[in-house]
Structures are given as C-alpha cells and as structure tokens.
PDB file of all heavy atoms in Angstrom:
ATOM      1  N   MET A   1      12.661  -6.249  11.720  1.00  0.00           N
ATOM      2  CA  MET A   1      13.959  -5.614  11.825  1.00  0.00           C
ATOM      3  C   MET A   1      13.945  -4.242  12.464  1.00  0.00           C
ATOM      4  O   MET A   1      14.965  -3.811  13.008  1.00  0.00           O
ATOM      5  CB  MET A   1      14.572  -5.551  10.423  1.00  0.00           C
ATOM      6  CG  MET A   1      14.743  -6.927   9.782  1.00  0.00           C
ATOM      7  SD  MET A   1      15.639  -6.941   8.224  1.00  0.00           S
ATOM      8  CE  MET A   1      17.300  -6.543   8.820  1.00  0.00           C
ATOM      9  N   HIS A   2      12.771  -3.525  12.380  1.00  0.00           N
ATOM     10  CA  HIS A   2      12.692  -2.225  12.976  1.00  0.00           C
ATOM     11  C   HIS A   2      11.323  -2.073  13.624  1.00  0.00           C
ATOM     12  O   HIS A   2      10.502  -1.213  13.188  1.00  0.00           O
ATOM     13  CB  HIS A   2      12.951  -1.147  11.946  1.00  0.00           C
ATOM     14  CG  HIS A   2      14.343  -1.102  11.451  1.00  0.00           C
ATOM     15  ND1 HIS A   2      15.433  -0.608  12.244  1.00  0.00           N
ATOM     16  CD2 HIS A   2      14.924  -1.557  10.318  1.00  0.00           C
ATOM     17  CE1 HIS A   2      16.564  -0.781  11.567  1.00  0.00           C
ATOM     18  NE2 HIS A   2      16.283  -1.316  10.398  1.00  0.00           N
ATOM     19  N   PRO A   3      11.049  -2.828  14.648  1.00  0.00           N
ATOM     20  CA  PRO A   3       9.729  -2.813  15.349  1.00  0.00           C
ATOM     21  C   PRO A   3       9.406  -1.391  15.890  1.00  0.00           C
ATOM     22  O   PRO A   3       8.224  -1.076  16.031  1.00  0.00           O
ATOM     23  CB  PRO A   3       9.854  -3.842  16.366  1.00  0.00           C
ATOM     24  CG  PRO A   3      11.273  -4.083  16.634  1.00  0.00           C
ATOM     25  CD  PRO A   3      11.985  -3.815  15.312  1.00  0.00           C
ATOM     26  N   GLU A   4      10.427  -0.606  16.155  1.00  0.00           N
ATOM     27  CA  GLU A   4      10.178   0.740  16.686  1.00  0.00           C
ATOM     28  C   GLU A   4       9.501   1.656  15.673  1.00  0.00           C
ATOM     29  O   GLU A   4       8.954   2.723  16.051  1.00  0.00           O
ATOM     30  CB  GLU A   4      11.481   1.382  17.162  1.00  0.00           C
ATOM     31  CG  GLU A   4      12.423   1.857  16.048  1.00  0.00           C
ATOM     32  CD  GLU A   4      13.264   0.744  15.378  1.00  0.00           C
ATOM     33  OE1 GLU A   4      13.047  -0.424  15.759  1.00  0.00           O
ATOM     34  OE2 GLU A   4      14.122   1.074  14.477  1.00  0.00           O
ATOM     35  N   LEU A   5       9.546   1.282  14.375  1.00  0.00           N
ATOM     36  CA  LEU A   5       8.905   2.088  13.350  1.00  0.00           C
ATOM     37  C   LEU A   5       7.562   1.529  12.891  1.00  0.00           C
ATOM     38  O   LEU A   5       6.943   2.115  12.017  1.00  0.00           O
ATOM     39  CB  LEU A   5       9.854   2.202  12.154  1.00  0.00           C
ATOM     40  CG  LEU A   5      11.226   2.809  12.403  1.00  0.00           C
ATOM     41  CD1 LEU A   5      12.073   2.813  11.159  1.00  0.00           C
ATOM     42  CD2 LEU A   5      11.064   4.249  12.911  1.00  0.00           C
ATOM     43  N   TRP A   6       7.187   0.356  13.487  1.00  0.00           N
ATOM     44  CA  TRP A   6       5.997  -0.321  13.014  1.00  0.00           C
ATOM     45  C   TRP A   6       4.735   0.549  13.164  1.00  0.00           C
ATOM     46  O   TRP A   6       3.899   0.636  12.218  1.00  0.00           O
ATOM     47  CB  TRP A   6       5.853  -1.630  13.649  1.00  0.00           C
ATOM     48  CG  TRP A   6       4.487  -2.275  13.468  1.00  0.00           C
ATOM     49  CD1 TRP A   6       3.511  -2.560  14.312  1.00  0.00           C
ATOM     50  CD2 TRP A   6       3.986  -2.722  12.135  1.00  0.00           C
ATOM     51  NE1 TRP A   6       2.430  -3.128  13.719  1.00  0.00           N
ATOM     52  CE2 TRP A   6       2.677  -3.223  12.406  1.00  0.00           C
ATOM     53  CE3 TRP A   6       4.534  -2.688  10.875  1.00  0.00           C
ATOM     54  CZ2 TRP A   6       1.928  -3.717  11.378  1.00  0.00           C
ATOM     55  CZ3 TRP A   6       3.721  -3.225   9.848  1.00  0.00           C
ATOM     56  CH2 TRP A   6       2.419  -3.757  10.099  1.00  0.00           C
ATOM     57  N   ASP A   7       4.563   1.129  14.327  1.00  0.00           N
ATOM     58  CA  ASP A   7       3.306   1.917  14.538  1.00  0.00           C
ATOM     59  C   ASP A   7       3.196   3.037  13.523  1.00  0.00           C
ATOM     60  O   ASP A   7       2.092   3.254  13.019  1.00  0.00           O
ATOM     61  CB  ASP A   7       3.360   2.507  16.007  1.00  0.00           C
ATOM     62  CG  ASP A   7       3.061   1.469  17.034  1.00  0.00           C
ATOM     63  OD1 ASP A   7       2.602   0.323  16.709  1.00  0.00           O
ATOM     64  OD2 ASP A   7       3.375   1.703  18.215  1.00  0.00           O
ATOM     65  N   GLU A   8       4.275   3.763  13.243  1.00  0.00           N
ATOM     66  CA  GLU A   8       4.144   4.851  12.308  1.00  0.00           C
ATOM     67  C   GLU A   8       3.902   4.367  10.885  1.00  0.00           C
ATOM     68  O   GLU A   8       3.112   4.904  10.157  1.00  0.00           O
ATOM     69  CB  GLU A   8       5.456   5.686  12.327  1.00  0.00           C
ATOM     70  CG  GLU A   8       5.395   6.903  11.397  1.00  0.00           C
ATOM     71  CD  GLU A   8       6.589   7.817  11.464  1.00  0.00           C
ATOM     72  OE1 GLU A   8       7.498   7.487  12.210  1.00  0.00           O
ATOM     73  OE2 GLU A   8       6.608   8.819  10.702  1.00  0.00           O
ATOM     74  N   TYR A   9       4.601   3.284  10.536  1.00  0.00           N
ATOM     75  CA  TYR A   9       4.362   2.760   9.176  1.00  0.00           C
ATOM     76  C   TYR A   9       2.929   2.211   9.014  1.00  0.00           C
ATOM     77  O   TYR A   9       2.261   2.508   8.044  1.00  0.00           O
ATOM     78  CB  TYR A   9       5.347   1.587   8.914  1.00  0.00           C
ATOM     79  CG  TYR A   9       5.082   0.996   7.527  1.00  0.00           C
ATOM     80  CD1 TYR A   9       5.633   1.595   6.392  1.00  0.00           C
ATOM     81  CD2 TYR A   9       4.457  -0.214   7.379  1.00  0.00           C
ATOM     82  CE1 TYR A   9       5.341   1.020   5.110  1.00  0.00           C
ATOM     83  CE2 TYR A   9       4.213  -0.798   6.099  1.00  0.00           C
ATOM     84  CZ  TYR A   9       4.693  -0.141   5.026  1.00  0.00           C
ATOM     85  OH  TYR A   9       4.460  -0.648   3.786  1.00  0.00           O
ATOM     86  N   SER A  10       2.403   1.556   9.966  1.00  0.00           N
ATOM     87  CA  SER A  10       1.092   1.023   9.932  1.00  0.00           C
ATOM     88  C   SER A  10       0.022   2.114   9.840  1.00  0.00           C
ATOM     89  O   SER A  10      -0.974   2.019   9.209  1.00  0.00           O
ATOM     90  CB  SER A  10       0.795  -0.012  11.049  1.00  0.00           C
ATOM     91  OG  SER A  10       0.901   0.719  12.306  1.00  0.00           O
ATOM     92  N   ARG A  11       0.334   3.276  10.597  1.00  0.00           N
ATOM     93  CA  ARG A  11      -0.600   4.406  10.531  1.00  0.00           C
ATOM     94  C   ARG A  11      -0.643   4.967   9.142  1.00  0.00           C
ATOM     95  O   ARG A  11      -1.711   5.379   8.701  1.00  0.00           O
ATOM     96  CB  ARG A  11      -0.145   5.459  11.587  1.00  0.00           C
ATOM     97  CG  ARG A  11      -0.595   5.178  12.982  1.00  0.00           C
ATOM     98  CD  ARG A  11      -0.495   6.448  13.902  1.00  0.00           C
ATOM     99  NE  ARG A  11       0.878   6.916  13.976  1.00  0.00           N
ATOM    100  CZ  ARG A  11       1.728   6.547  14.900  1.00  0.00           C
ATOM    101  NH1 ARG A  11       1.332   5.671  15.816  1.00  0.00           N
ATOM    102  NH2 ARG A  11       2.944   7.109  14.969  1.00  0.00           N
ATOM    103  N   ILE A  12       0.509   5.099   8.519  1.00  0.00           N
ATOM    104  CA  ILE A  12       0.517   5.613   7.124  1.00  0.00           C
ATOM    105  C   ILE A  12      -0.328   4.747   6.223  1.00  0.00           C
ATOM    106  O   ILE A  12      -1.158   5.258   5.459  1.00  0.00           O
ATOM    107  CB  ILE A  12       1.970   5.728   6.628  1.00  0.00           C
ATOM    108  CG1 ILE A  12       2.806   6.677   7.399  1.00  0.00           C
ATOM    109  CG2 ILE A  12       2.012   6.054   5.134  1.00  0.00           C
ATOM    110  CD1 ILE A  12       4.270   6.695   7.125  1.00  0.00           C
ATOM    111  N   VAL A  13      -0.184   3.474   6.310  1.00  0.00           N
ATOM    112  CA  VAL A  13      -0.883   2.515   5.436  1.00  0.00           C
ATOM    113  C   VAL A  13      -2.376   2.612   5.734  1.00  0.00           C
ATOM    114  O   VAL A  13      -3.208   2.667   4.803  1.00  0.00           O
ATOM    115  CB  VAL A  13      -0.382   1.079   5.615  1.00  0.00           C
ATOM    116  CG1 VAL A  13      -1.247   0.059   4.932  1.00  0.00           C
ATOM    117  CG2 VAL A  13       1.081   0.955   5.146  1.00  0.00           C
ATOM    118  N   GLU A  14      -2.765   2.535   7.008  1.00  0.00           N
ATOM    119  CA  GLU A  14      -4.197   2.556   7.335  1.00  0.00           C
ATOM    120  C   GLU A  14      -4.874   3.832   6.920  1.00  0.00           C
ATOM    121  O   GLU A  14      -6.038   3.845   6.481  1.00  0.00           O
ATOM    122  CB  GLU A  14      -4.371   2.273   8.835  1.00  0.00           C
ATOM    123  CG  GLU A  14      -4.006   0.912   9.286  1.00  0.00           C
ATOM    124  CD  GLU A  14      -4.753  -0.156   8.491  1.00  0.00           C
ATOM    125  OE1 GLU A  14      -5.943  -0.030   8.261  1.00  0.00           O
ATOM    126  OE2 GLU A  14      -4.063  -1.122   7.965  1.00  0.00           O
ATOM    127  N   LYS A  15      -4.214   4.990   7.121  1.00  0.00           N
ATOM    128  CA  LYS A  15      -4.781   6.269   6.693  1.00  0.00           C
ATOM    129  C   LYS A  15      -5.016   6.308   5.218  1.00  0.00           C
ATOM    130  O   LYS A  15      -6.081   6.707   4.690  1.00  0.00           O
ATOM    131  CB  LYS A  15      -3.887   7.405   7.105  1.00  0.00           C
ATOM    132  CG  LYS A  15      -4.420   8.781   6.747  1.00  0.00           C
ATOM    133  CD  LYS A  15      -3.438   9.867   7.135  1.00  0.00           C
ATOM    134  CE  LYS A  15      -4.000  11.260   6.707  1.00  0.00           C
ATOM    135  NZ  LYS A  15      -3.065  12.328   6.965  1.00  0.00           N
ATOM    136  N   TYR A  16      -4.043   5.794   4.460  1.00  0.00           N
ATOM    137  CA  TYR A  16      -4.171   5.754   2.961  1.00  0.00           C
ATOM    138  C   TYR A  16      -5.307   4.844   2.586  1.00  0.00           C
ATOM    139  O   TYR A  16      -6.100   5.208   1.652  1.00  0.00           O
ATOM    140  CB  TYR A  16      -2.855   5.241   2.403  1.00  0.00           C
ATOM    141  CG  TYR A  16      -2.845   5.079   0.848  1.00  0.00           C
ATOM    142  CD1 TYR A  16      -2.791   6.192   0.042  1.00  0.00           C
ATOM    143  CD2 TYR A  16      -2.902   3.779   0.280  1.00  0.00           C
ATOM    144  CE1 TYR A  16      -2.755   6.048  -1.357  1.00  0.00           C
ATOM    145  CE2 TYR A  16      -2.814   3.671  -1.083  1.00  0.00           C
ATOM    146  CZ  TYR A  16      -2.822   4.747  -1.905  1.00  0.00           C
ATOM    147  OH  TYR A  16      -2.762   4.594  -3.213  1.00  0.00           O
ATOM    148  N   LYS A  17      -5.509   3.698   3.203  1.00  0.00           N
ATOM    149  CA  LYS A  17      -6.559   2.813   2.865  1.00  0.00           C
ATOM    150  C   LYS A  17      -7.921   3.444   3.232  1.00  0.00           C
ATOM    151  O   LYS A  17      -8.883   3.346   2.456  1.00  0.00           O
ATOM    152  CB  LYS A  17      -6.417   1.472   3.666  1.00  0.00           C
ATOM    153  CG  LYS A  17      -5.277   0.598   3.200  1.00  0.00           C
ATOM    154  CD  LYS A  17      -5.289  -0.717   4.073  1.00  0.00           C
ATOM    155  CE  LYS A  17      -4.235  -1.669   3.711  1.00  0.00           C
ATOM    156  NZ  LYS A  17      -4.257  -2.883   4.622  1.00  0.00           N
ATOM    157  N   GLU A  18      -7.993   4.070   4.363  1.00  0.00           N
ATOM    158  CA  GLU A  18      -9.297   4.643   4.885  1.00  0.00           C
ATOM    159  C   GLU A  18      -9.748   5.769   3.977  1.00  0.00           C
ATOM    160  O   GLU A  18     -10.963   5.946   3.707  1.00  0.00           O
ATOM    161  CB  GLU A  18      -9.168   5.117   6.286  1.00  0.00           C
ATOM    162  CG  GLU A  18      -9.012   3.941   7.287  1.00  0.00           C
ATOM    163  CD  GLU A  18      -8.649   4.476   8.663  1.00  0.00           C
ATOM    164  OE1 GLU A  18      -8.513   5.688   8.823  1.00  0.00           O
ATOM    165  OE2 GLU A  18      -8.428   3.574   9.587  1.00  0.00           O
ATOM    166  N   GLU A  19      -8.798   6.598   3.458  1.00  0.00           N
ATOM    167  CA  GLU A  19      -9.203   7.755   2.673  1.00  0.00           C
ATOM    168  C   GLU A  19      -9.682   7.382   1.266  1.00  0.00           C
ATOM    169  O   GLU A  19     -10.440   8.141   0.620  1.00  0.00           O
ATOM    170  CB  GLU A  19      -8.027   8.721   2.565  1.00  0.00           C
ATOM    171  CG  GLU A  19      -7.732   9.392   3.919  1.00  0.00           C
ATOM    172  CD  GLU A  19      -6.540  10.377   3.845  1.00  0.00           C
ATOM    173  OE1 GLU A  19      -5.831  10.341   2.783  1.00  0.00           O
ATOM    174  OE2 GLU A  19      -6.322  11.155   4.782  1.00  0.00           O
ATOM    175  N   LYS A  20      -9.215   6.226   0.737  1.00  0.00           N
ATOM    176  CA  LYS A  20      -9.717   5.634  -0.511  1.00  0.00           C
ATOM    177  C   LYS A  20      -9.618   6.527  -1.743  1.00  0.00           C
ATOM    178  O   LYS A  20     -10.371   6.350  -2.676  1.00  0.00           O
ATOM    179  CB  LYS A  20     -11.159   5.210  -0.262  1.00  0.00           C
ATOM    180  CG  LYS A  20     -11.350   4.137   0.751  1.00  0.00           C
ATOM    181  CD  LYS A  20     -12.804   3.729   0.865  1.00  0.00           C
ATOM    182  CE  LYS A  20     -12.912   2.604   1.891  1.00  0.00           C
ATOM    183  NZ  LYS A  20     -14.341   2.124   2.067  1.00  0.00           N
ATOM    184  N   TRP A  21      -8.654   7.419  -1.770  1.00  0.00           N
ATOM    185  CA  TRP A  21      -8.483   8.207  -2.970  1.00  0.00           C
ATOM    186  C   TRP A  21      -7.461   7.574  -3.909  1.00  0.00           C
ATOM    187  O   TRP A  21      -7.397   7.931  -5.090  1.00  0.00           O
ATOM    188  CB  TRP A  21      -7.994   9.647  -2.647  1.00  0.00           C
ATOM    189  CG  TRP A  21      -6.765   9.709  -1.800  1.00  0.00           C
ATOM    190  CD1 TRP A  21      -6.651   9.842  -0.427  1.00  0.00           C
ATOM    191  CD2 TRP A  21      -5.386   9.608  -2.266  1.00  0.00           C
ATOM    192  NE1 TRP A  21      -5.310   9.857  -0.012  1.00  0.00           N
ATOM    193  CE2 TRP A  21      -4.530   9.704  -1.111  1.00  0.00           C
ATOM    194  CE3 TRP A  21      -4.862   9.458  -3.536  1.00  0.00           C
ATOM    195  CZ2 TRP A  21      -3.159   9.665  -1.246  1.00  0.00           C
ATOM    196  CZ3 TRP A  21      -3.456   9.428  -3.643  1.00  0.00           C
ATOM    197  CH2 TRP A  21      -2.600   9.566  -2.520  1.00  0.00           C
ATOM    198  N   GLY A  22      -6.711   6.595  -3.420  1.00  0.00           N
ATOM    199  CA  GLY A  22      -5.724   5.828  -4.192  1.00  0.00           C
ATOM    200  C   GLY A  22      -5.925   4.348  -3.929  1.00  0.00           C
ATOM    201  O   GLY A  22      -6.650   3.932  -3.025  1.00  0.00           O
ATOM    202  N   ILE A  23      -5.210   3.575  -4.717  1.00  0.00           N
ATOM    203  CA  ILE A  23      -5.317   2.099  -4.641  1.00  0.00           C
ATOM    204  C   ILE A  23      -4.153   1.542  -3.793  1.00  0.00           C
ATOM    205  O   ILE A  23      -3.003   1.949  -3.960  1.00  0.00           O
ATOM    206  CB  ILE A  23      -5.209   1.503  -6.017  1.00  0.00           C
ATOM    207  CG1 ILE A  23      -6.390   1.909  -6.930  1.00  0.00           C
ATOM    208  CG2 ILE A  23      -5.150  -0.049  -6.015  1.00  0.00           C
ATOM    209  CD1 ILE A  23      -6.165   1.679  -8.420  1.00  0.00           C
ATOM    210  N   TYR A  24      -4.493   0.671  -2.864  1.00  0.00           N
ATOM    211  CA  TYR A  24      -3.487  -0.010  -2.084  1.00  0.00           C
ATOM    212  C   TYR A  24      -3.469  -1.507  -2.554  1.00  0.00           C
ATOM    213  O   TYR A  24      -4.490  -2.178  -2.384  1.00  0.00           O
ATOM    214  CB  TYR A  24      -3.717   0.081  -0.609  1.00  0.00           C
ATOM    215  CG  TYR A  24      -2.646  -0.578   0.269  1.00  0.00           C
ATOM    216  CD1 TYR A  24      -1.476   0.139   0.484  1.00  0.00           C
ATOM    217  CD2 TYR A  24      -2.751  -1.868   0.785  1.00  0.00           C
ATOM    218  CE1 TYR A  24      -0.411  -0.440   1.207  1.00  0.00           C
ATOM    219  CE2 TYR A  24      -1.757  -2.403   1.564  1.00  0.00           C
ATOM    220  CZ  TYR A  24      -0.596  -1.725   1.755  1.00  0.00           C
ATOM    221  OH  TYR A  24       0.400  -2.202   2.499  1.00  0.00           O
ATOM    222  N   ASP A  25      -2.400  -1.924  -3.191  1.00  0.00           N
ATOM    223  CA  ASP A  25      -2.392  -3.248  -3.771  1.00  0.00           C
ATOM    224  C   ASP A  25      -1.459  -4.179  -2.932  1.00  0.00           C
ATOM    225  O   ASP A  25      -0.235  -4.163  -3.099  1.00  0.00           O
ATOM    226  CB  ASP A  25      -1.884  -3.155  -5.241  1.00  0.00           C
ATOM    227  CG  ASP A  25      -1.911  -4.494  -5.962  1.00  0.00           C
ATOM    228  OD1 ASP A  25      -2.406  -5.466  -5.340  1.00  0.00           O
ATOM    229  OD2 ASP A  25      -1.401  -4.548  -7.081  1.00  0.00           O
ATOM    230  N   ASP A  26      -2.086  -5.034  -2.182  1.00  0.00           N
ATOM    231  CA  ASP A  26      -1.316  -6.035  -1.425  1.00  0.00           C
ATOM    232  C   ASP A  26      -1.674  -7.403  -1.865  1.00  0.00           C
ATOM    233  O   ASP A  26      -1.524  -8.388  -1.106  1.00  0.00           O
ATOM    234  CB  ASP A  26      -1.518  -5.881   0.089  1.00  0.00           C
ATOM    235  CG  ASP A  26      -2.995  -6.058   0.479  1.00  0.00           C
ATOM    236  OD1 ASP A  26      -3.811  -6.174  -0.439  1.00  0.00           O
ATOM    237  OD2 ASP A  26      -3.247  -6.011   1.693  1.00  0.00           O
ATOM    238  N   THR A  27      -2.157  -7.563  -3.111  1.00  0.00           N
ATOM    239  CA  THR A  27      -2.522  -8.814  -3.698  1.00  0.00           C
ATOM    240  C   THR A  27      -1.257  -9.498  -4.159  1.00  0.00           C
ATOM    241  O   THR A  27      -0.152  -8.953  -4.212  1.00  0.00           O
ATOM    242  CB  THR A  27      -3.510  -8.654  -4.845  1.00  0.00           C
ATOM    243  OG1 THR A  27      -2.841  -8.062  -5.991  1.00  0.00           O
ATOM    244  CG2 THR A  27      -4.694  -7.833  -4.417  1.00  0.00           C
ATOM    245  N   ALA A  28      -1.495 -10.764  -4.660  1.00  0.00           N
ATOM    246  CA  ALA A  28      -0.368 -11.518  -5.246  1.00  0.00           C
ATOM    247  C   ALA A  28      -0.145 -11.220  -6.684  1.00  0.00           C
ATOM    248  O   ALA A  28       0.719 -11.817  -7.339  1.00  0.00           O
ATOM    249  CB  ALA A  28      -0.663 -12.978  -5.061  1.00  0.00           C
ATOM    250  N   GLU A  29      -0.920 -10.270  -7.276  1.00  0.00           N
ATOM    251  CA  GLU A  29      -0.967 -10.081  -8.722  1.00  0.00           C
ATOM    252  C   GLU A  29      -0.047  -8.873  -9.179  1.00  0.00           C
ATOM    253  O   GLU A  29      -0.592  -7.787  -9.478  1.00  0.00           O
ATOM    254  CB  GLU A  29      -2.375  -9.887  -9.210  1.00  0.00           C
ATOM    255  CG  GLU A  29      -3.254 -11.118  -8.938  1.00  0.00           C
ATOM    256  CD  GLU A  29      -4.634 -10.884  -9.453  1.00  0.00           C
ATOM    257  OE1 GLU A  29      -4.790 -10.666 -10.674  1.00  0.00           O
ATOM    258  OE2 GLU A  29      -5.603 -10.983  -8.618  1.00  0.00           O
ATOM    259  N   LEU A  30       1.240  -9.028  -9.117  1.00  0.00           N
ATOM    260  CA  LEU A  30       2.159  -8.025  -9.616  1.00  0.00           C
ATOM    261  C   LEU A  30       1.903  -7.710 -11.070  1.00  0.00           C
ATOM    262  O   LEU A  30       1.913  -6.588 -11.528  1.00  0.00           O
ATOM    263  CB  LEU A  30       3.582  -8.505  -9.457  1.00  0.00           C
ATOM    264  CG  LEU A  30       4.678  -7.599 -10.060  1.00  0.00           C
ATOM    265  CD1 LEU A  30       4.687  -6.213  -9.450  1.00  0.00           C
ATOM    266  CD2 LEU A  30       6.039  -8.248  -9.920  1.00  0.00           C
ATOM    267  N   ASP A  31       1.561  -8.799 -11.872  1.00  0.00           N
ATOM    268  CA  ASP A  31       1.338  -8.632 -13.259  1.00  0.00           C
ATOM    269  C   ASP A  31       0.230  -7.559 -13.515  1.00  0.00           C
ATOM    270  O   ASP A  31       0.310  -6.780 -14.485  1.00  0.00           O
ATOM    271  CB  ASP A  31       0.872  -9.955 -13.904  1.00  0.00           C
ATOM    272  CG  ASP A  31       2.037 -10.915 -14.011  1.00  0.00           C
ATOM    273  OD1 ASP A  31       3.161 -10.569 -13.706  1.00  0.00           O
ATOM    274  OD2 ASP A  31       1.780 -12.091 -14.390  1.00  0.00           O
ATOM    275  N   ARG A  32      -0.826  -7.629 -12.780  1.00  0.00           N
ATOM    276  CA  ARG A  32      -1.945  -6.671 -12.995  1.00  0.00           C
ATOM    277  C   ARG A  32      -1.506  -5.291 -12.746  1.00  0.00           C
ATOM    278  O   ARG A  32      -1.860  -4.368 -13.530  1.00  0.00           O
ATOM    279  CB  ARG A  32      -3.101  -7.057 -12.053  1.00  0.00           C
ATOM    280  CG  ARG A  32      -4.279  -6.124 -12.182  1.00  0.00           C
ATOM    281  CD  ARG A  32      -5.454  -6.611 -11.292  1.00  0.00           C
ATOM    282  NE  ARG A  32      -5.113  -6.727  -9.875  1.00  0.00           N
ATOM    283  CZ  ARG A  32      -5.944  -7.213  -8.974  1.00  0.00           C
ATOM    284  NH1 ARG A  32      -7.101  -7.687  -9.349  1.00  0.00           N
ATOM    285  NH2 ARG A  32      -5.598  -7.214  -7.716  1.00  0.00           N
ATOM    286  N   ALA A  33      -0.709  -5.046 -11.685  1.00  0.00           N
ATOM    287  CA  ALA A  33      -0.240  -3.693 -11.419  1.00  0.00           C
ATOM    288  C   ALA A  33       0.615  -3.177 -12.573  1.00  0.00           C
ATOM    289  O   ALA A  33       0.505  -1.988 -12.978  1.00  0.00           O
ATOM    290  CB  ALA A  33       0.556  -3.669 -10.144  1.00  0.00           C
ATOM    291  N   ILE A  34       1.468  -4.066 -13.106  1.00  0.00           N
ATOM    292  CA  ILE A  34       2.279  -3.611 -14.268  1.00  0.00           C
ATOM    293  C   ILE A  34       1.443  -3.360 -15.492  1.00  0.00           C
ATOM    294  O   ILE A  34       1.579  -2.356 -16.207  1.00  0.00           O
ATOM    295  CB  ILE A  34       3.338  -4.689 -14.613  1.00  0.00           C
ATOM    296  CG1 ILE A  34       4.361  -4.790 -13.384  1.00  0.00           C
ATOM    297  CG2 ILE A  34       4.104  -4.368 -15.853  1.00  0.00           C
ATOM    298  CD1 ILE A  34       5.377  -5.958 -13.549  1.00  0.00           C
ATOM    299  N   ALA A  35       0.469  -4.249 -15.692  1.00  0.00           N
ATOM    300  CA  ALA A  35      -0.356  -4.127 -16.917  1.00  0.00           C
ATOM    301  C   ALA A  35      -1.247  -2.966 -16.981  1.00  0.00           C
ATOM    302  O   ALA A  35      -1.378  -2.302 -18.062  1.00  0.00           O
ATOM    303  CB  ALA A  35      -1.161  -5.395 -17.060  1.00  0.00           C
ATOM    304  N   ILE A  36      -1.870  -2.579 -15.870  1.00  0.00           N
ATOM    305  CA  ILE A  36      -2.899  -1.544 -15.905  1.00  0.00           C
ATOM    306  C   ILE A  36      -2.269  -0.147 -15.652  1.00  0.00           C
ATOM    307  O   ILE A  36      -2.969   0.894 -15.859  1.00  0.00           O
ATOM    308  CB  ILE A  36      -4.034  -1.785 -14.881  1.00  0.00           C
ATOM    309  CG1 ILE A  36      -3.500  -1.596 -13.412  1.00  0.00           C
ATOM    310  CG2 ILE A  36      -4.638  -3.071 -15.129  1.00  0.00           C
ATOM    311  CD1 ILE A  36      -4.628  -1.687 -12.408  1.00  0.00           C
ATOM    312  N   SER A  37      -1.025  -0.070 -15.231  1.00  0.00           N
ATOM    313  CA  SER A  37      -0.414   1.180 -14.972  1.00  0.00           C
ATOM    314  C   SER A  37       0.183   1.807 -16.198  1.00  0.00           C
ATOM    315  O   SER A  37       0.547   1.092 -17.194  1.00  0.00           O
ATOM    316  CB  SER A  37       0.651   1.113 -13.843  1.00  0.00           C
ATOM    317  OG  SER A  37       1.683   0.211 -14.237  1.00  0.00           O
ATOM    318  N   ASP A  38       0.369   3.164 -16.252  1.00  0.00           N
ATOM    319  CA  ASP A  38       0.965   3.796 -17.407  1.00  0.00           C
ATOM    320  C   ASP A  38       2.395   4.175 -17.164  1.00  0.00           C
ATOM    321  O   ASP A  38       3.070   4.511 -18.093  1.00  0.00           O
ATOM    322  CB  ASP A  38       0.136   5.110 -17.652  1.00  0.00           C
ATOM    323  CG  ASP A  38      -1.311   4.777 -17.968  1.00  0.00           C
ATOM    324  OD1 ASP A  38      -1.535   4.234 -19.087  1.00  0.00           O
ATOM    325  OD2 ASP A  38      -2.154   5.022 -17.174  1.00  0.00           O
ATOM    326  N   ALA A  39       2.868   4.159 -15.950  1.00  0.00           N
ATOM    327  CA  ALA A  39       4.215   4.535 -15.636  1.00  0.00           C
ATOM    328  C   ALA A  39       4.567   4.023 -14.237  1.00  0.00           C
ATOM    329  O   ALA A  39       3.708   3.752 -13.403  1.00  0.00           O
ATOM    330  CB  ALA A  39       4.460   6.067 -15.703  1.00  0.00           C
TER     331      ALA A  39
END
C-alpha cells in the first residue's frame, strides 16, 4: 500500500535486528510474547 516507504521501514527493522540490544519477534507465537512480557 505504501511501497515508497518500504526502504525506510526495512532499514529501521534491519538496524534493530543487527544491533541485537532488543528482541524482534516475527514468529507465529503471540502467546509467548504476551506470557513473558510484564507490560
């Protein structure tokens, strides 16, 4: 729907993944994210 924003969005995601200070969850397990988080 907004391919003109794809490059910027993908850069944000890839930088976050590469730096590895946070978790990027693209798995099918929503339950796990809800269960292990505190807020």
